[in-house]
Structure formats: C-alpha cells, structure tokens
Amino acid sequence: MSPRQSDYVLYSKHLHRFRDDGIGTSAELIARFSAISGRHAVQKTRLGRATFLALQKRGDLSEEEMIRFLNNFTLADTDHYFVKFAAKFDNLQHVSSLRSSLSQRTRRMLKHGTDSCPEWILQKKANGYLFADAIGVPRPENSLKSVHLDKIAFKEGTALKPPNASGSAGVYLIHSADHIVDARTGKAIAGLDELRRHMHDDVETRRIPRPYWNIEELMIDSSNEMGSSHDWKFYSFYGEIGLVGTMQRYPYPAEVWMTADGEKADIWARPRENEVDWDAREIPATLLEAAREISLALPVPFLRIDFLSSDRGFVLGEFTARPGVLHLLSRDQDRRLGEAFISAEHRLYEDLRRGKKFTEFDSFAKKLGGKRYGTRSAGTSDPEAQGSAARRKIGKFW
C-alpha cells in the first residue's frame, strides 16, 4: 500500500470512529481532513461530504471550526450540501476568489464582446492613454500605434513595450545606445545589436505574441538610483483599493505589496525568486485618491491602475483588466480580494440602479464605436457639464 493510499485508509478509520463511536473532537477531525485533502483531490468532495455529515451529526461544531473546514474547498469543489450548510451561518467566504471572478469576466468578454466588460476596452494601451487624456491624467508620450520590429527606429530616451504582453515581457528601456535595460529581468543589454537579438528571441519563443512594439517616452526619476522609474500598482475595486504594490525594475528587481493603509501584505503562495523584498513604503496619498476616483469613473467592479514616477511627477502607466500574477496569489489573499470584488459588484449595481451615469467613459467609448453604459440621468440634464465635473475631480490630483 502506497503512503497516499495509507493516508486515505487511516483517515477513513478515524472518520468511522468519530462518527459511530464518538471518539475524538471536531477540531481533530478537521485537522486530519485538512492534512490529507490536498493529496486526494479526486476524492476530496466525497470525503468532504462524509466528514461534513459526521460533523453535523455530532452537533458540536463551532463557527471557527466550520470556517476552518470550509477553507479546504474552493468554488469548484463546493457542492450543494456545503452551500446550504454554510449559508445557514452566513458564511461562504471560501468560494470567493479574484482569480475565479476575473476568469468569468474574461469568458463574458469573449462571449459577448468588450461592451459587456468595459475594462477590456482600456486593456489596450492606446485606448487607456486616450481615456487618460479625456479625464486629465498625464501619461507618457506614446506612438499609440504598434511598429513592426523590422521598422523600429531605436532612439535614446524611449521605452519599447509590446501591446499584448504581461509581466514586463518584451519591455526594453533605452537610456542610450550603451545603456539598455531589459525591464523583465533588470539586466543590462550590451548595445542595439544585442537588443535586436533579444527582441527576435521574444518573438521566436512566443514570450510576446506578435513582433510589434509601441514606442514610448522613457520615464526617468532622478530621485531614485540610476534614475529608475518606480511602478505603483493599485488593485482598484470601484472606489476601494484592495492592494497596492510598488516596484523597481533596475538596477535590480525589488518590490513590496501593501494594504491601502500602508501595512505590508504577504500576498504570494510561495517566495518569488530573483527579487528583493522591500520594506513597506509610504503610499502617495494623491495617487491613492486618484486611483479611487478613476475607478469610480468606470462602470467596472475591478481594474488595476498603474502609475509611474518621473521627474515630471506621476504619470499613468496602464490599465490592466486581468493581472498576470493572479495564479501566484496565496489562497487567503485571493479570497480576500475576491470578497472585495463581490462588494464592488454590489456597489456598482446599486449606483447603476439609482441612475448613475459614467459620462466621461460613455463619451470615450462612443468615439471608439462602443455603446453607452449609463442608464438614466443622475441629477443633471447636461452630460457635458457632468463630464466636466468628473474631469475636474480627477484632474485636481495633477
């Protein structure tokens, strides 16, 4: 008998003694179930139901123990019995998941188009920059049109960014012909010929999907080592900020993630390699409020809003509909942010039901050929006046 099979048999015997003979405590049974459930994924739901029925029969399950038991499950392996039981106690947090919620939003977008999930309109960098212009948020100068690798004119003071990649893949910072940085790794590249080889390799290995790059103004922040521009990433849930990250790409990769009140957050399921872990940083209050206001100007429950530090102040980096690191989040953090997503959906629905209009975004989407997302007028018959007010509210941060 393999160790895995032995685990299963021993647990089954313990379960029978607990259920039939009253031997052991609920806490001990839950601890044993937690220990083996990860190694028996196929049998977890069946074992879980048997454990759940045994716990119910005993009748001494505390709310804390119930939560500990349910936390072994995800939305995918939670069946009707668990839902019905947990709902009695107003406790189903274990099914909340930002990863699952955004996967469903992605499916909705693929099935019904970007009009059904407006955040995906802003995912395209050129659209994100045009919307920033509409609401008065500064951003880097950008070609707005992708250029084929063979036609790129390499110039100092520019950043090359592929339009459809994630995690800084294929991003190169050209300070000069002799000072080029691979933003993904933070490593220096020896000259333009080496840069071209890197870019061809990006395409051949499918690190980026197509051989096209946007040419963008390079952001320099002289207050940081080697003029490195720092990223600020705000996980924004329709007016509330669930997570804030700041990072540098060079001279070495380093980052820190925090809650909106500045407390350091341990968000990863396992330690990340080749990255220095910073101490908590002071979150710029103006950026925090700007991210909140921008998210409230959009009819979406979640959007990651990124800014870059520079010698001319903070500028918009990009909007991200589905961050590429969600699969690396710890279970607790994924669940916490999933709860934030559910609350944001509720607030958005209530605002729409009461007649809130997203005039700036509606006007912007209409110019792109999209549909209007508002419902009826919210206290004004002049959309342009309402839009101007929205621009003033966000523009005050710059």
Protein backbone atom coordinates (compact mmCIF):
# COMPACT_ATOMS: atom_id res chain seq x y z
CA MET A 1 0.00 0.00 0.00
CA SER A 2 1.40 3.38 -1.01
CA PRO A 3 1.74 6.20 1.55
CA ARG A 4 -1.08 8.02 -0.26
CA GLN A 5 -3.41 5.01 -0.01
CA SER A 6 -2.39 4.53 3.61
CA ASP A 7 -3.36 8.13 4.39
CA TYR A 8 -6.78 7.53 2.88
CA VAL A 9 -7.39 4.30 4.81
CA LEU A 10 -6.22 5.77 8.14
CA TYR A 11 -8.42 8.82 7.70
CA SER A 12 -11.44 6.66 6.82
CA LYS A 13 -10.94 4.63 10.00
CA HIS A 14 -10.63 7.80 12.08
CA LEU A 15 -13.81 9.16 10.46
CA HIS A 16 -15.75 5.98 11.29
CA ARG A 17 -14.62 6.09 14.94
CA PHE A 18 -15.58 9.76 15.17
CA ARG A 19 -18.99 9.25 13.58
CA ASP A 20 -20.04 5.87 15.02
CA ASP A 21 -18.24 5.71 18.36
CA GLY A 22 -17.94 9.40 19.27
CA ILE A 23 -14.14 9.16 19.56
CA GLY A 24 -12.13 12.38 19.14
CA THR A 25 -13.10 16.03 18.68
CA SER A 26 -14.37 18.02 15.71
CA ALA A 27 -11.15 20.04 15.70
CA GLU A 28 -9.03 16.88 15.45
CA LEU A 29 -11.14 15.53 12.58
CA ILE A 30 -10.93 18.80 10.67
CA ALA A 31 -7.15 18.92 11.16
CA ARG A 32 -6.81 15.37 9.80
CA PHE A 33 -9.05 16.19 6.84
CA SER A 34 -7.02 19.33 6.05
CA ALA A 35 -3.82 17.28 6.12
CA ILE A 36 -4.99 14.75 3.53
CA SER A 37 -7.41 16.76 1.34
CA GLY A 38 -4.65 18.29 -0.77
CA ARG A 39 -3.25 14.84 -1.58
CA HIS A 40 -6.63 13.37 -2.54
CA ALA A 41 -8.07 15.96 -4.90
CA VAL A 42 -10.20 13.43 -6.80
CA GLN A 43 -11.78 12.08 -3.62
CA LYS A 44 -11.86 15.37 -1.72
CA THR A 45 -15.50 16.22 -2.39
CA ARG A 46 -16.73 12.74 -1.47
CA LEU A 47 -14.53 12.60 1.63
CA GLY A 48 -15.55 16.15 2.48
CA ARG A 49 -19.25 15.33 2.30
CA ALA A 50 -18.79 12.30 4.57
CA THR A 51 -16.80 14.46 7.00
CA PHE A 52 -19.39 17.21 6.80
CA LEU A 53 -22.23 14.78 7.63
CA ALA A 54 -20.24 13.37 10.55
CA LEU A 55 -19.61 16.86 11.91
CA GLN A 56 -23.29 17.72 11.53
CA LYS A 57 -24.32 14.53 13.33
CA ARG A 58 -22.02 15.33 16.26
CA GLY A 59 -23.60 18.78 16.55
CA ASP A 60 -20.74 20.44 18.46
CA LEU A 61 -19.16 22.29 15.52
CA SER A 62 -18.20 25.87 16.37
CA GLU A 63 -18.29 28.64 13.76
CA GLU A 64 -14.49 28.90 13.86
CA GLU A 65 -14.18 25.15 13.20
CA MET A 66 -16.74 25.36 10.40
CA ILE A 67 -14.73 28.10 8.68
CA ARG A 68 -11.55 26.04 9.09
CA PHE A 69 -13.28 23.06 7.48
CA LEU A 70 -14.80 25.02 4.58
CA ASN A 71 -11.47 26.70 3.83
CA ASN A 72 -10.26 23.37 2.47
CA PHE A 73 -12.59 23.84 -0.51
CA THR A 74 -12.85 26.18 -3.47
CA LEU A 75 -15.82 27.16 -5.59
CA ALA A 76 -15.08 24.25 -7.95
CA ASP A 77 -15.34 21.54 -5.29
CA THR A 78 -18.09 23.05 -3.12
CA ASP A 79 -21.32 21.14 -3.67
CA HIS A 80 -24.93 21.89 -2.70
CA TYR A 81 -24.60 20.37 0.77
CA PHE A 82 -21.74 22.67 1.72
CA VAL A 83 -23.50 25.74 0.27
CA LYS A 84 -26.74 25.00 2.10
CA PHE A 85 -24.91 24.37 5.38
CA ALA A 86 -22.61 27.41 5.17
CA ALA A 87 -25.42 29.72 4.11
CA LYS A 88 -27.23 29.00 7.39
CA PHE A 89 -24.31 30.61 9.17
CA ASP A 90 -23.95 33.41 6.60
CA ASN A 91 -20.51 32.07 5.78
CA LEU A 92 -19.43 31.26 2.22
CA GLN A 93 -16.24 33.30 2.04
CA HIS A 94 -14.26 30.25 0.96
CA VAL A 95 -15.82 30.37 -2.54
CA SER A 96 -14.69 33.98 -3.09
CA SER A 97 -11.77 34.27 -5.48
CA LEU A 98 -10.47 37.19 -7.51
CA ARG A 99 -8.87 34.69 -9.87
CA SER A 100 -12.21 32.95 -10.50
CA SER A 101 -14.15 36.21 -10.76
CA LEU A 102 -11.80 37.65 -13.38
CA SER A 103 -11.72 34.36 -15.29
CA GLN A 104 -15.51 34.57 -15.53
CA ARG A 105 -15.29 38.21 -16.63
CA THR A 106 -12.85 37.13 -19.34
CA ARG A 107 -15.27 34.45 -20.53
CA ARG A 108 -18.08 37.01 -20.55
CA MET A 109 -15.94 39.36 -22.63
CA LEU A 110 -15.10 36.59 -25.12
CA LYS A 111 -18.75 35.56 -25.40
CA HIS A 112 -20.40 38.99 -25.55
CA GLY A 113 -17.60 41.39 -26.53
CA THR A 114 -15.81 44.20 -24.74
CA ASP A 115 -19.02 46.21 -24.41
CA SER A 116 -20.09 43.66 -21.78
CA CYS A 117 -16.84 44.11 -19.81
CA PRO A 118 -15.70 47.72 -20.38
CA GLU A 119 -12.42 47.21 -18.54
CA TRP A 120 -11.18 45.28 -21.58
CA ILE A 121 -11.56 48.38 -23.72
CA LEU A 122 -8.91 50.04 -21.55
CA GLN A 123 -6.69 46.95 -21.52
CA LYS A 124 -5.43 48.04 -24.94
CA LYS A 125 -2.72 50.52 -24.07
CA ALA A 126 -3.59 53.07 -26.76
CA ASN A 127 -7.20 53.17 -25.53
CA GLY A 128 -6.02 53.52 -21.94
CA TYR A 129 -3.89 56.52 -22.86
CA LEU A 130 -6.71 58.15 -24.82
CA PHE A 131 -9.01 57.75 -21.83
CA ALA A 132 -6.32 59.26 -19.59
CA ASP A 133 -6.28 62.26 -21.91
CA ALA A 134 -10.07 62.51 -21.64
CA ILE A 135 -10.02 62.67 -17.82
CA GLY A 136 -6.93 64.84 -17.47
CA VAL A 137 -4.41 62.26 -16.24
CA PRO A 138 -0.85 62.78 -17.53
CA ARG A 139 0.80 59.87 -19.35
CA PRO A 140 3.99 59.22 -21.33
CA GLU A 141 4.20 60.25 -24.95
CA ASN A 142 3.46 57.14 -26.98
CA SER A 143 3.27 56.17 -30.65
CA LEU A 144 -0.24 54.74 -29.93
CA LYS A 145 0.28 52.54 -32.96
CA SER A 146 2.41 49.42 -32.85
CA VAL A 147 5.51 49.29 -35.03
CA HIS A 148 6.91 46.09 -36.55
CA LEU A 149 10.27 45.02 -35.17
CA ASP A 150 11.96 45.45 -38.55
CA LYS A 151 10.78 49.06 -38.80
CA ILE A 152 11.60 50.29 -35.30
CA ALA A 153 13.93 53.31 -35.20
CA PHE A 154 15.84 52.85 -31.95
CA LYS A 155 16.23 56.16 -30.11
CA GLU A 156 17.61 57.04 -26.72
CA GLY A 157 15.13 58.15 -24.11
CA THR A 158 12.48 55.68 -25.26
CA ALA A 159 10.84 52.54 -23.90
CA LEU A 160 9.76 49.69 -26.17
CA LYS A 161 6.60 47.96 -24.95
CA PRO A 162 4.70 45.17 -26.71
CA PRO A 163 0.95 45.90 -26.78
CA ASN A 164 -0.26 42.46 -25.68
CA ALA A 165 2.29 41.05 -23.25
CA SER A 166 2.30 40.85 -19.46
CA GLY A 167 4.76 40.84 -16.60
CA SER A 168 7.12 43.29 -18.38
CA ALA A 169 7.89 40.64 -21.00
CA GLY A 170 9.50 42.26 -24.02
CA VAL A 171 9.82 45.68 -22.37
CA TYR A 172 13.13 47.45 -23.02
CA LEU A 173 14.33 50.79 -21.67
CA ILE A 174 16.75 52.64 -23.95
CA HIS A 175 18.60 55.31 -21.99
CA SER A 176 21.29 55.43 -24.68
CA ALA A 177 22.89 53.05 -27.19
CA ASP A 178 25.19 51.84 -24.39
CA HIS A 179 22.64 51.83 -21.58
CA ILE A 180 19.72 49.50 -22.35
CA VAL A 181 17.76 47.59 -19.71
CA ASP A 182 15.55 44.52 -20.00
CA ALA A 183 12.67 45.55 -17.72
CA ARG A 184 11.60 41.94 -17.13
CA THR A 185 14.93 40.88 -15.61
CA GLY A 186 16.50 44.24 -14.69
CA LYS A 187 19.66 43.21 -16.60
CA ALA A 188 21.70 45.46 -18.87
CA ILE A 189 21.86 44.76 -22.60
CA ALA A 190 25.12 45.39 -24.45
CA GLY A 191 24.15 47.61 -27.36
CA LEU A 192 21.50 47.80 -30.07
CA ASP A 193 22.57 44.63 -31.90
CA GLU A 194 22.13 42.64 -28.70
CA LEU A 195 18.76 44.33 -28.16
CA ARG A 196 17.57 43.22 -31.60
CA ARG A 197 18.61 39.65 -30.79
CA HIS A 198 16.63 39.80 -27.54
CA MET A 199 13.55 41.05 -29.37
CA HIS A 200 13.77 38.38 -32.07
CA ASP A 201 14.13 35.81 -29.31
CA ASP A 202 11.00 37.21 -27.62
CA VAL A 203 9.05 36.55 -30.80
CA GLU A 204 10.56 33.14 -31.57
CA THR A 205 9.96 31.82 -28.05
CA ARG A 206 6.44 33.32 -28.00
CA ARG A 207 7.30 35.40 -24.96
CA ILE A 208 5.33 38.04 -26.80
CA PRO A 209 2.60 37.03 -29.26
CA ARG A 210 3.47 39.28 -32.22
CA PRO A 211 6.58 41.13 -33.48
CA TYR A 212 5.17 44.57 -32.72
CA TRP A 213 6.15 47.16 -30.14
CA ASN A 214 4.87 50.55 -29.03
CA ILE A 215 7.49 53.29 -28.78
CA GLU A 216 7.05 55.32 -25.62
CA GLU A 217 8.72 58.17 -23.80
CA LEU A 218 11.12 56.78 -21.20
CA MET A 219 10.21 57.87 -17.70
CA ILE A 220 13.20 58.98 -15.63
CA ASP A 221 13.03 59.58 -11.88
CA SER A 222 16.26 61.24 -10.79
CA SER A 223 15.37 60.80 -7.11
CA ASN A 224 15.92 57.03 -7.44
CA GLU A 225 19.07 55.01 -8.06
CA MET A 226 20.20 55.28 -11.71
CA GLY A 227 17.09 57.33 -12.50
CA SER A 228 14.86 54.27 -12.20
CA SER A 229 11.14 54.96 -12.53
CA HIS A 230 9.12 53.12 -9.90
CA ASP A 231 5.80 51.46 -10.69
CA TRP A 232 2.79 51.93 -8.41
CA LYS A 233 0.04 49.37 -8.91
CA PHE A 234 -3.41 49.82 -7.37
CA TYR A 235 -5.87 46.91 -7.29
CA SER A 236 -9.00 49.07 -7.51
CA PHE A 237 -12.48 47.79 -6.67
CA TYR A 238 -14.90 50.52 -7.71
CA GLY A 239 -13.83 53.17 -5.25
CA GLU A 240 -11.94 50.95 -2.82
CA ILE A 241 -8.30 49.91 -3.02
CA GLY A 242 -7.66 46.31 -2.04
CA LEU A 243 -3.93 46.09 -2.69
CA VAL A 244 -1.05 48.44 -3.52
CA GLY A 245 2.29 47.39 -4.96
CA THR A 246 5.39 49.39 -5.78
CA MET A 247 8.46 48.11 -7.56
CA GLN A 248 11.59 48.98 -9.47
CA ARG A 249 12.93 47.09 -12.48
CA TYR A 250 16.57 48.08 -12.24
CA PRO A 251 19.40 48.24 -11.16
CA TYR A 252 17.84 45.14 -9.55
CA PRO A 253 14.23 43.93 -9.32
CA ALA A 254 12.62 44.83 -5.99
CA GLU A 255 9.05 45.19 -4.80
CA VAL A 256 6.68 45.43 -1.86
CA TRP A 257 2.91 44.91 -1.60
CA MET A 258 0.73 46.69 0.94
CA THR A 259 -2.84 47.18 2.00
CA ALA A 260 -4.37 50.61 1.36
CA ASP A 261 -3.49 51.70 4.92
CA GLY A 262 0.21 51.04 4.28
CA GLU A 263 0.57 47.72 6.10
CA LYS A 264 2.90 45.28 4.38
CA ALA A 265 1.00 42.35 2.84
CA ASP A 266 2.41 38.88 2.27
CA ILE A 267 0.49 38.02 -0.90
CA TRP A 268 2.36 35.18 -2.60
CA ALA A 269 1.64 31.47 -2.26
CA ARG A 270 5.38 30.81 -2.29
CA PRO A 271 8.51 33.00 -2.27
CA ARG A 272 9.35 34.59 -5.61
CA GLU A 273 12.84 34.09 -6.93
CA ASN A 274 15.35 36.73 -8.04
CA GLU A 275 13.52 39.60 -6.43
CA VAL A 276 14.48 41.75 -3.44
CA ASP A 277 11.72 42.16 -0.87
CA TRP A 278 11.44 45.82 0.14
CA ASP A 279 10.13 47.16 3.41
CA ALA A 280 6.76 48.91 3.30
CA ARG A 281 6.86 52.26 1.50
CA GLU A 282 4.77 55.35 2.09
CA ILE A 283 1.88 55.28 -0.38
CA PRO A 284 1.50 58.70 -2.06
CA ALA A 285 -1.86 59.99 -0.81
CA THR A 286 -2.59 61.74 -4.10
CA LEU A 287 -2.10 58.51 -6.06
CA LEU A 288 -4.30 56.56 -3.67
CA GLU A 289 -7.13 59.06 -4.04
CA ALA A 290 -6.61 59.36 -7.80
CA ALA A 291 -6.89 55.59 -8.20
CA ARG A 292 -10.12 55.63 -6.17
CA GLU A 293 -11.64 58.43 -8.22
CA ILE A 294 -10.61 56.89 -11.56
CA SER A 295 -12.13 53.56 -10.57
CA LEU A 296 -15.37 55.32 -9.60
CA ALA A 297 -15.47 56.91 -13.07
CA LEU A 298 -15.59 53.48 -14.71
CA PRO A 299 -18.56 51.05 -14.81
CA VAL A 300 -16.46 48.06 -13.78
CA PRO A 301 -16.02 46.21 -10.46
CA PHE A 302 -12.25 45.78 -10.80
CA LEU A 303 -9.34 47.35 -12.62
CA ARG A 304 -5.66 47.53 -11.80
CA ILE A 305 -4.47 51.10 -12.28
CA ASP A 306 -0.73 51.63 -12.65
CA PHE A 307 1.32 54.80 -12.34
CA LEU A 308 4.99 55.59 -12.99
CA SER A 309 7.15 58.00 -11.01
CA SER A 310 9.09 60.53 -13.08
CA ASP A 311 10.86 63.86 -12.98
CA ARG A 312 7.61 65.48 -14.14
CA GLY A 313 5.54 63.81 -11.44
CA PHE A 314 3.43 60.69 -11.53
CA VAL A 315 2.01 59.60 -14.86
CA LEU A 316 -0.35 56.83 -15.87
CA GLY A 317 1.38 53.55 -16.64
CA GLU A 318 -1.52 51.40 -17.85
CA PHE A 319 -4.87 49.86 -17.02
CA THR A 320 -4.98 46.08 -16.52
CA ALA A 321 -8.21 44.10 -16.67
CA ARG A 322 -6.72 40.77 -15.55
CA PRO A 323 -3.32 40.91 -13.82
CA GLY A 324 -0.93 38.18 -14.90
CA VAL A 325 0.14 37.20 -11.37
CA LEU A 326 -3.22 36.05 -10.01
CA HIS A 327 -2.18 32.40 -10.08
CA LEU A 328 0.69 33.24 -7.73
CA LEU A 329 -1.50 34.76 -5.00
CA SER A 330 -1.88 32.93 -1.72
CA ARG A 331 -5.25 31.37 -1.03
CA ASP A 332 -6.03 33.88 1.72
CA GLN A 333 -5.18 36.89 -0.45
CA ASP A 334 -7.09 35.54 -3.45
CA ARG A 335 -10.11 35.02 -1.19
CA ARG A 336 -9.79 38.47 0.42
CA LEU A 337 -9.61 40.20 -2.96
CA GLY A 338 -12.47 38.01 -4.19
CA GLU A 339 -14.59 39.37 -1.33
CA ALA A 340 -13.61 42.90 -2.40
CA PHE A 341 -14.73 42.09 -5.95
CA ILE A 342 -18.16 40.89 -4.77
CA SER A 343 -18.66 44.07 -2.70
CA ALA A 344 -17.57 46.23 -5.66
CA GLU A 345 -20.09 44.49 -7.94
CA HIS A 346 -22.80 45.25 -5.40
CA ARG A 347 -21.87 48.95 -5.09
CA LEU A 348 -21.70 49.31 -8.88
CA TYR A 349 -25.08 47.64 -9.33
CA GLU A 350 -26.65 49.89 -6.71
CA ASP A 351 -25.21 53.02 -8.34
CA LEU A 352 -26.48 51.95 -11.76
CA ARG A 353 -29.89 51.12 -10.30
CA ARG A 354 -30.07 54.60 -8.80
CA GLY A 355 -29.24 56.17 -12.15
CA LYS A 356 -25.54 56.97 -12.02
CA LYS A 357 -24.07 57.81 -15.41
CA PHE A 358 -20.44 57.32 -16.44
CA THR A 359 -20.40 60.26 -18.81
CA GLU A 360 -16.69 60.51 -19.47
CA PHE A 361 -16.33 56.83 -20.21
CA ASP A 362 -19.57 56.72 -22.24
CA SER A 363 -18.37 59.58 -24.42
CA PHE A 364 -14.95 57.99 -24.81
CA ALA A 365 -16.41 54.55 -25.68
CA LYS A 366 -18.81 56.10 -28.16
CA LYS A 367 -15.90 57.66 -30.04
CA LEU A 368 -14.31 54.20 -30.22
CA GLY A 369 -17.53 52.75 -31.63
CA GLY A 370 -18.73 51.27 -28.33
CA LYS A 371 -22.09 51.55 -26.65
CA ARG A 372 -23.24 53.79 -23.84
CA TYR A 373 -23.06 52.18 -20.42
CA GLY A 374 -25.12 54.62 -18.36
CA THR A 375 -28.81 54.20 -17.58
CA ARG A 376 -30.68 57.44 -16.98
CA SER A 377 -29.66 60.92 -15.91
CA ALA A 378 -28.36 61.26 -12.36
CA GLY A 379 -29.36 64.74 -11.24
CA THR A 380 -28.42 66.68 -14.37
CA SER A 381 -29.74 67.00 -17.90
CA ASP A 382 -26.39 68.25 -19.18
CA PRO A 383 -23.99 65.32 -19.82
CA GLU A 384 -21.17 67.64 -20.84
CA ALA A 385 -21.44 69.58 -17.58
CA GLN A 386 -21.39 66.31 -15.62
CA GLY A 387 -18.38 65.16 -17.63
CA SER A 388 -16.54 68.41 -16.98
CA ALA A 389 -17.16 67.94 -13.26
CA ALA A 390 -15.69 64.44 -13.45
CA ARG A 391 -12.63 65.74 -15.29
CA ARG A 392 -12.13 68.44 -12.67
CA LYS A 393 -12.45 65.94 -9.84
CA ILE A 394 -9.76 63.64 -11.22
CA GLY A 395 -7.61 66.35 -12.77
CA LYS A 396 -7.11 68.08 -9.39
CA PHE A 397 -4.51 65.46 -8.46
CA TRP A 398 -2.09 66.76 -11.10
